[in-house]
C-alpha atoms as a PDB file:
ATOM      1  CA  MET A   1     104.024 114.609   0.201  1.00  0.00           C
ATOM      2  CA  SER A   2     103.401 110.886  -0.114  1.00  0.00           C
ATOM      3  CA  ARG A   3     103.921 108.754  -2.981  1.00  0.00           C
ATOM      4  CA  ARG A   4     104.632 105.070  -3.572  1.00  0.00           C
ATOM      5  CA  VAL A   5     108.191 104.037  -5.098  1.00  0.00           C
ATOM      6  CA  SER A   6     108.967 100.511  -5.986  1.00  0.00           C
ATOM      7  CA  CYS A   7     112.088  98.920  -4.858  1.00  0.00           C
ATOM      8  CA  ASN A   8     113.551  99.107  -8.182  1.00  0.00           C
ATOM      9  CA  LYS A   9     113.075 102.832  -8.664  1.00  0.00           C
ATOM     10  CA  LEU A  10     114.062 103.396  -4.908  1.00  0.00           C
ATOM     11  CA  LEU A  11     117.732 104.488  -6.043  1.00  0.00           C
ATOM     12  CA  GLU A  12     116.497 106.959  -8.877  1.00  0.00           C
ATOM     13  CA  ALA A  13     114.002 108.425  -6.249  1.00  0.00           C
ATOM     14  CA  VAL A  14     116.504 109.069  -3.762  1.00  0.00           C
ATOM     15  CA  VAL A  15     119.183 110.494  -6.129  1.00  0.00           C
ATOM     16  CA  CYS A  16     116.994 113.035  -7.171  1.00  0.00           C
ATOM     17  CA  LEU A  17     116.679 114.263  -3.353  1.00  0.00           C
ATOM     18  CA  PRO A  18     118.360 116.949  -2.148  1.00  0.00           C
ATOM     19  CA  CYS A  19     120.870 115.716   0.815  1.00  0.00           C
ATOM     20  CA  CYS A  20     118.613 115.202   3.422  1.00  0.00           C
ATOM     21  CA  ARG A  21     117.677 112.935   6.731  1.00  0.00           C
ATOM     22  CA  ILE A  22     116.680 109.477   5.816  1.00  0.00           C
ATOM     23  CA  VAL A  23     115.102 107.240   8.511  1.00  0.00           C
ATOM     24  CA  MET A  24     114.319 103.506   7.871  1.00  0.00           C
ATOM     25  CA  GLU A  25     113.053 100.704  10.047  1.00  0.00           C
ATOM     26  CA  ALA A  26     115.693  97.862  10.757  1.00  0.00           C
ATOM     27  CA  CYS A  27     115.006  94.935   8.439  1.00  0.00           C
ATOM     28  CA  GLY A  28     116.367  92.682   5.752  1.00  0.00           C
ATOM     29  CA  GLY A  29     118.784  94.894   3.495  1.00  0.00           C
ATOM     30  CA  ALA A  30     118.353  98.096   5.174  1.00  0.00           C
ATOM     31  CA  HIS A  31     122.165  98.298   6.171  1.00  0.00           C
ATOM     32  CA  TYR A  32     122.672  97.754   2.511  1.00  0.00           C
ATOM     33  CA  TRP A  33     120.406 100.927   1.451  1.00  0.00           C
ATOM     34  CA  ALA A  34     121.822 102.793   4.316  1.00  0.00           C
ATOM     35  CA  ARG A  35     125.214 102.529   2.776  1.00  0.00           C
ATOM     36  CA  ARG A  36     124.193 103.455  -0.947  1.00  0.00           C
ATOM     37  CA  PHE A  37     122.169 106.343   0.495  1.00  0.00           C
ATOM     38  CA  SER A  38     125.004 107.587   2.764  1.00  0.00           C
ATOM     39  CA  ALA A  39     127.168 107.212  -0.270  1.00  0.00           C
ATOM     40  CA  MET A  40     125.017 109.915  -1.992  1.00  0.00           C
ATOM     41  CA  GLY A  41     125.504 112.609   1.101  1.00  0.00           C
ATOM     42  CA  HIS A  42     122.373 111.903   2.771  1.00  0.00           C
ATOM     43  CA  GLN A  43     122.364 111.453   6.644  1.00  0.00           C
ATOM     44  CA  VAL A  44     120.559 108.024   7.262  1.00  0.00           C
ATOM     45  CA  GLN A  45     119.387 106.443  10.586  1.00  0.00           C
ATOM     46  CA  ILE A  46     117.821 103.222  11.329  1.00  0.00           C
ATOM     47  CA  ILE A  47     115.114 102.474  13.952  1.00  0.00           C
ATOM     48  CA  ALA A  48     114.783  99.109  15.472  1.00  0.00           C
ATOM     49  CA  PRO A  49     110.971  97.846  14.916  1.00  0.00           C
ATOM     50  CA  ARG A  50     110.029  97.601  18.380  1.00  0.00           C
ATOM     51  CA  PHE A  51     110.630 101.319  18.644  1.00  0.00           C
ATOM     52  CA  VAL A  52     108.347 101.948  15.711  1.00  0.00           C
ATOM     53  CA  LYS A  53     105.632  99.641  16.474  1.00  0.00           C
ATOM     54  CA  PRO A  54     103.924 101.915  18.970  1.00  0.00           C
ATOM     55  CA  PHE A  55     103.479 104.726  16.522  1.00  0.00           C
ATOM     56  CA  VAL A  56     101.553 102.424  14.056  1.00  0.00           C
ATOM     57  CA  LYS A  57      98.014 103.680  13.678  1.00  0.00           C
ATOM     58  CA  SER A  58      95.247 101.079  13.092  1.00  0.00           C
ATOM     59  CA  GLN A  59      95.891  98.476  10.690  1.00  0.00           C
ATOM     60  CA  LYS A  60      99.390  97.545   9.321  1.00  0.00           C
ATOM     61  CA  ASN A  61     100.213  98.601   5.714  1.00  0.00           C
ATOM     62  CA  ASP A  62     102.993 100.293   4.032  1.00  0.00           C
ATOM     63  CA  ARG A  63     101.685 103.572   4.400  1.00  0.00           C
ATOM     64  CA  ASN A  64     100.750 103.412   7.986  1.00  0.00           C
ATOM     65  CA  ASP A  65     104.547 102.037   8.699  1.00  0.00           C
ATOM     66  CA  ALA A  66     106.171 104.980   6.577  1.00  0.00           C
ATOM     67  CA  GLU A  67     104.024 107.025   9.152  1.00  0.00           C
ATOM     68  CA  ALA A  68     105.051 105.361  11.895  1.00  0.00           C
ATOM     69  CA  ILE A  69     108.629 105.673  11.114  1.00  0.00           C
ATOM     70  CA  VAL A  70     108.479 109.592  10.619  1.00  0.00           C
ATOM     71  CA  GLU A  71     106.520 109.845  13.849  1.00  0.00           C
ATOM     72  CA  ALA A  72     109.184 107.502  15.901  1.00  0.00           C
ATOM     73  CA  ALA A  73     112.127 109.538  14.469  1.00  0.00           C
ATOM     74  CA  SER A  74     110.667 112.813  15.307  1.00  0.00           C
ATOM     75  CA  ARG A  75     111.230 111.882  19.194  1.00  0.00           C
ATOM     76  CA  PRO A  76     114.495 113.578  20.451  1.00  0.00           C
ATOM     77  CA  THR A  77     115.129 110.630  22.806  1.00  0.00           C
ATOM     78  CA  MET A  78     114.670 108.039  20.064  1.00  0.00           C
ATOM     79  CA  ARG A  79     117.536 105.401  20.015  1.00  0.00           C
ATOM     80  CA  TYR A  80     119.080 104.158  16.321  1.00  0.00           C
ATOM     81  CA  VAL A  81     120.740 101.162  15.076  1.00  0.00           C
ATOM     82  CA  ALA A  82     124.410 101.810  13.963  1.00  0.00           C
ATOM     83  CA  VAL A  83     124.837 101.215  10.035  1.00  0.00           C
ATOM     84  CA  ASN A  84     127.164  98.351   9.389  1.00  0.00           C
ATOM     85  CA  SER A  85     130.013  98.532   7.075  1.00  0.00           C
ATOM     86  CA  VAL A  86     130.527  95.598   4.388  1.00  0.00           C
ATOM     87  CA  GLU A  87     133.347  94.474   6.531  1.00  0.00           C
ATOM     88  CA  GLN A  88     131.170  94.114   9.707  1.00  0.00           C
ATOM     89  CA  GLN A  89     128.510  92.333   7.343  1.00  0.00           C
ATOM     90  CA  ASP A  90     131.262  89.840   6.374  1.00  0.00           C
ATOM     91  CA  ILE A  91     132.059  89.139  10.220  1.00  0.00           C
ATOM     92  CA  GLN A  92     128.642  88.782  10.788  1.00  0.00           C
ATOM     93  CA  SER A  93     127.891  86.445   7.916  1.00  0.00           C
ATOM     94  CA  MET A  94     130.894  84.516   8.910  1.00  0.00           C
ATOM     95  CA  HIS A  95     129.331  84.282  12.651  1.00  0.00           C
ATOM     96  CA  ARG A  96     125.859  83.468  11.428  1.00  0.00           C
ATOM     97  CA  ILE A  97     126.782  80.984   9.227  1.00  0.00           C
ATOM     98  CA  ARG A  98     129.118  79.029  11.948  1.00  0.00           C
ATOM     99  CA  SER A  99     126.262  79.160  14.530  1.00  0.00           C
ATOM    100  CA  LEU A 100     123.856  77.862  11.844  1.00  0.00           C
ATOM    101  CA  LEU A 101     126.364  74.626  11.529  1.00  0.00           C
ATOM    102  CA  MET A 102     126.968  74.545  15.101  1.00  0.00           C
ATOM    103  CA  ARG A 103     123.106  74.519  15.630  1.00  0.00           C
ATOM    104  CA  ASP A 104     122.961  71.532  12.917  1.00  0.00           C
ATOM    105  CA  ARG A 105     125.957  69.703  14.481  1.00  0.00           C
ATOM    106  CA  ILE A 106     124.127  69.677  18.055  1.00  0.00           C
ATOM    107  CA  ALA A 107     120.896  68.485  16.156  1.00  0.00           C
ATOM    108  CA  GLN A 108     122.700  65.877  14.588  1.00  0.00           C
ATOM    109  CA  ILE A 109     124.537  64.504  18.053  1.00  0.00           C
ATOM    110  CA  ASN A 110     120.997  64.454  19.420  1.00  0.00           C
ATOM    111  CA  GLN A 111     119.137  62.524  16.743  1.00  0.00           C
ATOM    112  CA  ILE A 112     121.916  59.690  16.639  1.00  0.00           C
ATOM    113  CA  ARG A 113     121.960  59.591  20.616  1.00  0.00           C
ATOM    114  CA  GLY A 114     118.069  59.262  20.496  1.00  0.00           C
ATOM    115  CA  LEU A 115     118.055  56.711  17.506  1.00  0.00           C
ATOM    116  CA  LEU A 116     120.502  54.707  19.257  1.00  0.00           C
ATOM    117  CA  ALA A 117     118.617  54.684  22.451  1.00  0.00           C
ATOM    118  CA  GLU A 118     115.900  52.974  21.176  1.00  0.00           C
ATOM    119  CA  TYR A 119     118.106  49.982  20.196  1.00  0.00           C
ATOM    120  CA  GLY A 120     119.686  50.204  24.090  1.00  0.00           C
ATOM    121  CA  VAL A 121     122.887  51.518  23.274  1.00  0.00           C
ATOM    122  CA  VAL A 122     123.395  54.577  25.383  1.00  0.00           C
ATOM    123  CA  ILE A 123     126.236  57.440  24.499  1.00  0.00           C
ATOM    124  CA  ALA A 124     126.945  60.187  26.972  1.00  0.00           C
ATOM    125  CA  GLN A 125     125.775  63.900  26.290  1.00  0.00           C
ATOM    126  CA  THR A 126     129.016  65.090  25.107  1.00  0.00           C
ATOM    127  CA  PRO A 127     129.951  65.431  21.573  1.00  0.00           C
ATOM    128  CA  LEU A 128     133.439  63.941  21.977  1.00  0.00           C
ATOM    129  CA  LYS A 129     131.701  60.610  23.208  1.00  0.00           C
ATOM    130  CA  VAL A 130     129.550  60.599  20.320  1.00  0.00           C
ATOM    131  CA  ARG A 131     132.671  61.057  17.403  1.00  0.00           C
ATOM    132  CA  THR A 132     134.618  58.493  19.649  1.00  0.00           C
ATOM    133  CA  GLN A 133     132.267  56.087  20.291  1.00  0.00           C
ATOM    134  CA  LEU A 134     129.857  55.721  17.267  1.00  0.00           C
ATOM    135  CA  PRO A 135     132.187  53.909  14.968  1.00  0.00           C
ATOM    136  CA  ALA A 136     132.901  51.442  17.427  1.00  0.00           C
ATOM    137  CA  ILE A 137     129.235  50.841  18.218  1.00  0.00           C
ATOM    138  CA  ILE A 138     128.493  50.745  14.335  1.00  0.00           C
ATOM    139  CA  ASP A 139     131.099  47.791  13.900  1.00  0.00           C
ATOM    140  CA  GLU A 140     130.126  46.068  17.239  1.00  0.00           C
ATOM    141  CA  GLU A 141     128.224  42.895  16.458  1.00  0.00           C
ATOM    142  CA  GLN A 142     126.596  42.246  19.763  1.00  0.00           C
ATOM    143  CA  ASN A 143     124.264  45.005  19.893  1.00  0.00           C
ATOM    144  CA  GLU A 144     120.601  44.942  18.036  1.00  0.00           C
ATOM    145  CA  LEU A 145     121.502  47.260  15.499  1.00  0.00           C
ATOM    146  CA  THR A 146     120.298  45.854  12.009  1.00  0.00           C
ATOM    147  CA  GLY A 147     122.274  46.409   8.796  1.00  0.00           C
ATOM    148  CA  LEU A 148     119.889  49.040   7.642  1.00  0.00           C
ATOM    149  CA  THR A 149     120.703  50.745  10.797  1.00  0.00           C
ATOM    150  CA  ARG A 150     124.247  50.637  10.657  1.00  0.00           C
ATOM    151  CA  THR A 151     124.102  51.732   6.944  1.00  0.00           C
ATOM    152  CA  MET A 152     122.186  54.983   8.332  1.00  0.00           C
ATOM    153  CA  MET A 153     124.360  55.447  11.149  1.00  0.00           C
ATOM    154  CA  ARG A 154     127.657  55.407   9.107  1.00  0.00           C
ATOM    155  CA  ASP A 155     125.748  58.349   6.801  1.00  0.00           C
ATOM    156  CA  MET A 156     125.047  60.280   9.966  1.00  0.00           C
ATOM    157  CA  TYR A 157     128.548  59.837  11.277  1.00  0.00           C
ATOM    158  CA  GLU A 158     130.077  61.174   7.883  1.00  0.00           C
ATOM    159  CA  ARG A 159     127.461  64.095   8.047  1.00  0.00           C
ATOM    160  CA  LEU A 160     128.987  64.985  11.473  1.00  0.00           C
ATOM    161  CA  ALA A 161     132.395  64.581  10.435  1.00  0.00           C
ATOM    162  CA  LEU A 162     131.348  67.136   7.652  1.00  0.00           C
ATOM    163  CA  LEU A 163     129.905  69.415  10.053  1.00  0.00           C
ATOM    164  CA  ASP A 164     132.946  69.711  12.008  1.00  0.00           C
ATOM    165  CA  ARG A 165     134.953  70.169   9.330  1.00  0.00           C
ATOM    166  CA  GLN A 166     132.853  73.077   7.897  1.00  0.00           C
ATOM    167  CA  ILE A 167     132.878  74.615  11.373  1.00  0.00           C
ATOM    168  CA  ALA A 168     136.766  74.568  11.513  1.00  0.00           C
ATOM    169  CA  ARG A 169     136.611  75.960   8.019  1.00  0.00           C
ATOM    170  CA  TYR A 170     135.318  79.393   9.358  1.00  0.00           C
ATOM    171  CA  ASP A 171     137.236  79.403  12.711  1.00  0.00           C
ATOM    172  CA  ASP A 172     140.716  80.342  10.654  1.00  0.00           C
ATOM    173  CA  PRO A 173     139.186  83.618   8.902  1.00  0.00           C
ATOM    174  CA  ILE A 174     137.415  84.769  12.131  1.00  0.00           C
ATOM    175  CA  GLN A 175     141.166  84.288  13.443  1.00  0.00           C
ATOM    176  CA  GLN A 176     142.563  86.196  10.740  1.00  0.00           C
ATOM    177  CA  VAL A 177     140.046  88.779  11.041  1.00  0.00           C
ATOM    178  CA  HIS A 178     141.182  89.162  14.864  1.00  0.00           C
ATOM    179  CA  LYS A 179     144.590  89.289  14.336  1.00  0.00           C
ATOM    180  CA  ALA A 180     144.180  92.180  11.600  1.00  0.00           C
ATOM    181  CA  SER A 181     142.037  94.252  14.131  1.00  0.00           C
ATOM    182  CA  PRO A 182     143.565  96.173  16.931  1.00  0.00           C
ATOM    183  CA  ALA A 183     140.278  97.047  18.332  1.00  0.00           C
ATOM    184  CA  SER A 184     139.653  92.921  18.719  1.00  0.00           C
ATOM    185  CA  GLN A 185     143.046  92.361  20.008  1.00  0.00           C
ATOM    186  CA  ARG A 186     142.318  94.968  22.803  1.00  0.00           C
ATOM    187  CA  LEU A 187     139.172  93.176  23.551  1.00  0.00           C
ATOM    188  CA  GLU A 188     140.966  90.024  24.192  1.00  0.00           C
ATOM    189  CA  LYS A 189     142.804  90.944  26.912  1.00  0.00           C
ATOM    190  CA  ILE A 190     139.753  90.921  28.739  1.00  0.00           C
ATOM    191  CA  ARG A 191     139.137  87.687  31.094  1.00  0.00           C
ATOM    192  CA  GLY A 192     136.332  85.886  29.274  1.00  0.00           C
ATOM    193  CA  VAL A 193     136.815  87.325  25.972  1.00  0.00           C
ATOM    194  CA  GLY A 194     138.662  85.647  23.000  1.00  0.00           C
ATOM    195  CA  PRO A 195     138.816  86.129  19.370  1.00  0.00           C
ATOM    196  CA  MET A 196     135.461  84.670  18.651  1.00  0.00           C
ATOM    197  CA  ILE A 197     133.515  87.170  21.094  1.00  0.00           C
ATOM    198  CA  ALA A 198     135.877  90.118  20.319  1.00  0.00           C
ATOM    199  CA  THR A 199     135.157  89.645  16.685  1.00  0.00           C
ATOM    200  CA  ALA A 200     131.416  89.281  17.290  1.00  0.00           C
ATOM    201  CA  VAL A 201     131.115  92.616  19.342  1.00  0.00           C
ATOM    202  CA  ILE A 202     132.766  94.661  16.577  1.00  0.00           C
ATOM    203  CA  ALA A 203     130.690  93.215  13.944  1.00  0.00           C
ATOM    204  CA  ALA A 204     127.395  93.890  15.768  1.00  0.00           C
ATOM    205  CA  ALA A 205     128.449  97.072  17.916  1.00  0.00           C
ATOM    206  CA  GLY A 206     131.185  98.785  15.853  1.00  0.00           C
ATOM    207  CA  SER A 207     133.017 101.502  17.699  1.00  0.00           C
ATOM    208  CA  ALA A 208     130.009 101.178  20.087  1.00  0.00           C
ATOM    209  CA  SER A 209     129.519 104.839  19.632  1.00  0.00           C
ATOM    210  CA  GLU A 210     125.746 104.630  19.356  1.00  0.00           C
ATOM    211  CA  PHE A 211     125.607 103.809  23.258  1.00  0.00           C
ATOM    212  CA  SER A 212     125.868 106.530  25.650  1.00  0.00           C
ATOM    213  CA  ASN A 213     127.335 104.386  28.370  1.00  0.00           C
ATOM    214  CA  GLY A 214     128.010 101.026  29.487  1.00  0.00           C
ATOM    215  CA  ARG A 215     124.977 100.188  31.167  1.00  0.00           C
ATOM    216  CA  GLN A 216     123.159 101.113  27.879  1.00  0.00           C
ATOM    217  CA  PHE A 217     125.432  98.642  25.829  1.00  0.00           C
ATOM    218  CA  ALA A 218     124.645  96.026  28.282  1.00  0.00           C
ATOM    219  CA  ALA A 219     121.065  96.654  28.403  1.00  0.00           C
ATOM    220  CA  TRP A 220     121.242  96.233  24.327  1.00  0.00           C
ATOM    221  CA  LEU A 221     122.607  92.840  25.055  1.00  0.00           C
ATOM    222  CA  GLY A 222     119.572  92.080  27.503  1.00  0.00           C
ATOM    223  CA  LEU A 223     122.183  91.339  30.258  1.00  0.00           C
ATOM    224  CA  THR A 224     120.230  94.040  32.785  1.00  0.00           C
ATOM    225  CA  PRO A 225     117.349  93.216  35.012  1.00  0.00           C
ATOM    226  CA  ARG A 226     114.102  93.633  33.828  1.00  0.00           C
ATOM    227  CA  GLN A 227     111.814  96.144  35.611  1.00  0.00           C
ATOM    228  CA  HIS A 228     108.092  96.092  36.709  1.00  0.00           C
ATOM    229  CA  SER A 229     108.263  98.991  38.889  1.00  0.00           C
ATOM    230  CA  SER A 230     105.373 101.395  39.836  1.00  0.00           C
ATOM    231  CA  GLY A 231     104.348 104.051  42.377  1.00  0.00           C
ATOM    232  CA  GLY A 232     107.981 104.692  43.101  1.00  0.00           C
ATOM    233  CA  LYS A 233     108.745 101.449  44.027  1.00  0.00           C
ATOM    234  CA  ASP A 234     111.433  99.570  42.227  1.00  0.00           C
ATOM    235  CA  ARG A 235     110.965  95.696  41.356  1.00  0.00           C
ATOM    236  CA  LEU A 236     113.601  94.187  39.359  1.00  0.00           C
ATOM    237  CA  LEU A 237     113.054  90.625  37.847  1.00  0.00           C
ATOM    238  CA  GLY A 238     115.380  88.472  35.617  1.00  0.00           C
ATOM    239  CA  ILE A 239     117.319  89.822  32.471  1.00  0.00           C
ATOM    240  CA  THR A 240     115.475  91.198  29.827  1.00  0.00           C
ATOM    241  CA  LYS A 241     117.223  88.661  27.119  1.00  0.00           C
ATOM    242  CA  ARG A 242     116.871  91.755  24.531  1.00  0.00           C
ATOM    243  CA  GLY A 243     119.191  92.287  21.774  1.00  0.00           C
ATOM    244  CA  ASN A 244     121.876  90.394  19.758  1.00  0.00           C
ATOM    245  CA  GLY A 245     120.801  86.807  21.435  1.00  0.00           C
ATOM    246  CA  TYR A 246     124.322  85.233  19.467  1.00  0.00           C
ATOM    247  CA  LEU A 247     126.490  87.803  21.295  1.00  0.00           C
ATOM    248  CA  ARG A 248     124.633  87.522  24.713  1.00  0.00           C
ATOM    249  CA  MET A 249     125.189  83.575  24.278  1.00  0.00           C
ATOM    250  CA  LEU A 250     128.946  84.040  23.693  1.00  0.00           C
ATOM    251  CA  LEU A 251     129.390  86.546  26.452  1.00  0.00           C
ATOM    252  CA  VAL A 252     127.820  84.464  29.194  1.00  0.00           C
ATOM    253  CA  HIS A 253     129.664  81.197  27.916  1.00  0.00           C
ATOM    254  CA  GLY A 254     132.958  83.283  28.209  1.00  0.00           C
ATOM    255  CA  ALA A 255     131.943  84.457  32.003  1.00  0.00           C
ATOM    256  CA  ARG A 256     131.019  80.973  32.885  1.00  0.00           C
ATOM    257  CA  SER A 257     134.782  79.882  32.050  1.00  0.00           C
ATOM    258  CA  VAL A 258     135.937  82.671  34.205  1.00  0.00           C
ATOM    259  CA  VAL A 259     133.525  81.785  36.817  1.00  0.00           C
ATOM    260  CA  GLN A 260     134.946  78.360  36.860  1.00  0.00           C
ATOM    261  CA  GLN A 261     138.255  79.169  37.161  1.00  0.00           C
ATOM    262  CA  ALA A 262     137.949  81.968  39.937  1.00  0.00           C
ATOM    263  CA  VAL A 263     138.518  79.794  42.909  1.00  0.00           C
ATOM    264  CA  LYS A 264     142.045  79.263  41.433  1.00  0.00           C
ATOM    265  CA  HIS A 265     143.010  83.156  41.659  1.00  0.00           C
ATOM    266  CA  THR A 266     143.254  85.398  44.504  1.00  0.00           C
ATOM    267  CA  ASP A 267     142.704  88.866  42.410  1.00  0.00           C
ATOM    268  CA  LYS A 268     140.164  91.540  42.712  1.00  0.00           C
ATOM    269  CA  LEU A 269     137.560  90.218  40.073  1.00  0.00           C
ATOM    270  CA  SER A 270     137.983  86.647  41.489  1.00  0.00           C
ATOM    271  CA  ARG A 271     137.282  87.748  44.994  1.00  0.00           C
ATOM    272  CA  TRP A 272     134.139  89.523  43.495  1.00  0.00           C
ATOM    273  CA  ILE A 273     132.914  86.396  41.537  1.00  0.00           C
ATOM    274  CA  LEU A 274     133.347  84.257  44.484  1.00  0.00           C
ATOM    275  CA  GLU A 275     131.637  86.556  47.064  1.00  0.00           C
ATOM    276  CA  VAL A 276     128.645  86.790  44.519  1.00  0.00           C
ATOM    277  CA  GLN A 277     128.470  83.053  44.066  1.00  0.00           C
ATOM    278  CA  ALA A 278     128.417  82.390  47.372  1.00  0.00           C
ATOM    279  CA  ARG A 279     125.807  85.042  48.195  1.00  0.00           C
ATOM    280  CA  ARG A 280     123.507  84.399  44.809  1.00  0.00           C
ATOM    281  CA  GLY A 281     124.552  81.204  43.294  1.00  0.00           C
ATOM    282  CA  THR A 282     126.572  80.350  40.468  1.00  0.00           C
ATOM    283  CA  ASN A 283     124.123  81.334  37.477  1.00  0.00           C
ATOM    284  CA  VAL A 284     123.731  84.588  39.025  1.00  0.00           C
ATOM    285  CA  ALA A 285     127.629  85.330  39.104  1.00  0.00           C
ATOM    286  CA  VAL A 286     127.688  84.151  35.587  1.00  0.00           C
ATOM    287  CA  VAL A 287     125.236  86.594  34.394  1.00  0.00           C
ATOM    288  CA  ALA A 288     126.819  89.310  36.611  1.00  0.00           C
ATOM    289  CA  LEU A 289     130.192  88.767  35.426  1.00  0.00           C
ATOM    290  CA  ALA A 290     128.605  88.970  31.761  1.00  0.00           C
ATOM    291  CA  ASN A 291     127.407  92.273  32.401  1.00  0.00           C
ATOM    292  CA  LYS A 292     130.531  93.565  33.873  1.00  0.00           C
ATOM    293  CA  ILE A 293     132.485  92.257  30.823  1.00  0.00           C
ATOM    294  CA  ALA A 294     130.164  94.024  28.434  1.00  0.00           C
ATOM    295  CA  ARG A 295     130.513  97.206  30.036  1.00  0.00           C
ATOM    296  CA  THR A 296     134.285  97.065  30.055  1.00  0.00           C
ATOM    297  CA  ILE A 297     134.016  96.421  26.601  1.00  0.00           C
ATOM    298  CA  TRP A 298     132.167  99.435  25.895  1.00  0.00           C
ATOM    299  CA  VAL A 299     134.814 101.440  27.913  1.00  0.00           C
ATOM    300  CA  LEU A 300     137.338  99.982  25.611  1.00  0.00           C
ATOM    301  CA  LEU A 301     135.533 100.532  22.221  1.00  0.00           C
ATOM    302  CA  ALA A 302     133.926 104.028  22.879  1.00  0.00           C
ATOM    303  CA  ARG A 303     136.755 105.497  24.533  1.00  0.00           C
ATOM    304  CA  GLY A 304     139.667 103.850  23.102  1.00  0.00           C
ATOM    305  CA  HIS A 305     141.114 102.740  26.479  1.00  0.00           C
ATOM    306  CA  GLU A 306     143.407  99.795  27.153  1.00  0.00           C
ATOM    307  CA  TYR A 307     142.697  97.291  29.195  1.00  0.00           C
ATOM    308  CA  ALA A 308     144.179  97.404  32.920  1.00  0.00           C
ATOM    309  CA  PRO A 309     143.724  93.688  34.608  1.00  0.00           C
ATOM    310  CA  PRO A 310     142.520  94.076  38.129  1.00  0.00           C
ATOM    311  CA  VAL A 311     145.076  92.968  40.793  1.00  0.00           C
END
């Protein structure tokens, strides 16, 4: 049976159904509806859009999309997206807003540097240099800045300071969430993982039970090689960059800090990092370590293990 149901009457229609399996495509609001339907006793599953698209026949419309979702859900090897709880949504919202503020701050700093360069004033490419040097540049009378430009630079400096305060305002709640979560504190014991990464992982992956192994979890993050194999001949390329780009970025930054400090340590992990770095270069070593960290995170979340530092 196929019938059209408006968004306003969707809950009424689902309430009348006997307990069954409901499959949806991941989109805005999908996790909300999944929680509502699960509370009614239904088994709810969410499929990523990239797994639904191959089954869409002819032109794209609501009917064809629904048929494609049903066809995709009938596949025994189909992968599904874990349904986020309200608590996970809260943590993800904090991270996403903070990430937006970080991008705005970077854009603000780049604009300040670019505009000042047109007046012959050059500031180094670090946020600290901009914060410390800009007030003195505005007050200096020897440069070519006009009165109007100085006024605009003061406005931009005030907005930069506001963005700094707003970012700090989100750092405190994330720290509180981390301290209240035993799973997050377990992840923090991994080298290269701090409260920011730990809370972001839990918000995105939960218990990581949707992944059968650590490699699948790392592949979901886009940290595994992209394949272009044929005829039994394997050909591996760069990383796929699939999945959660924000989480991948955090893991790569965390891994980079560990790689930079590896020369100061003599443990097994540091020796492995230095060996990969000497053989393949720093960037490959960073991504390889991020992959290793991702797999370790999966073990700790999915199996409930405690982290044992390498000696």
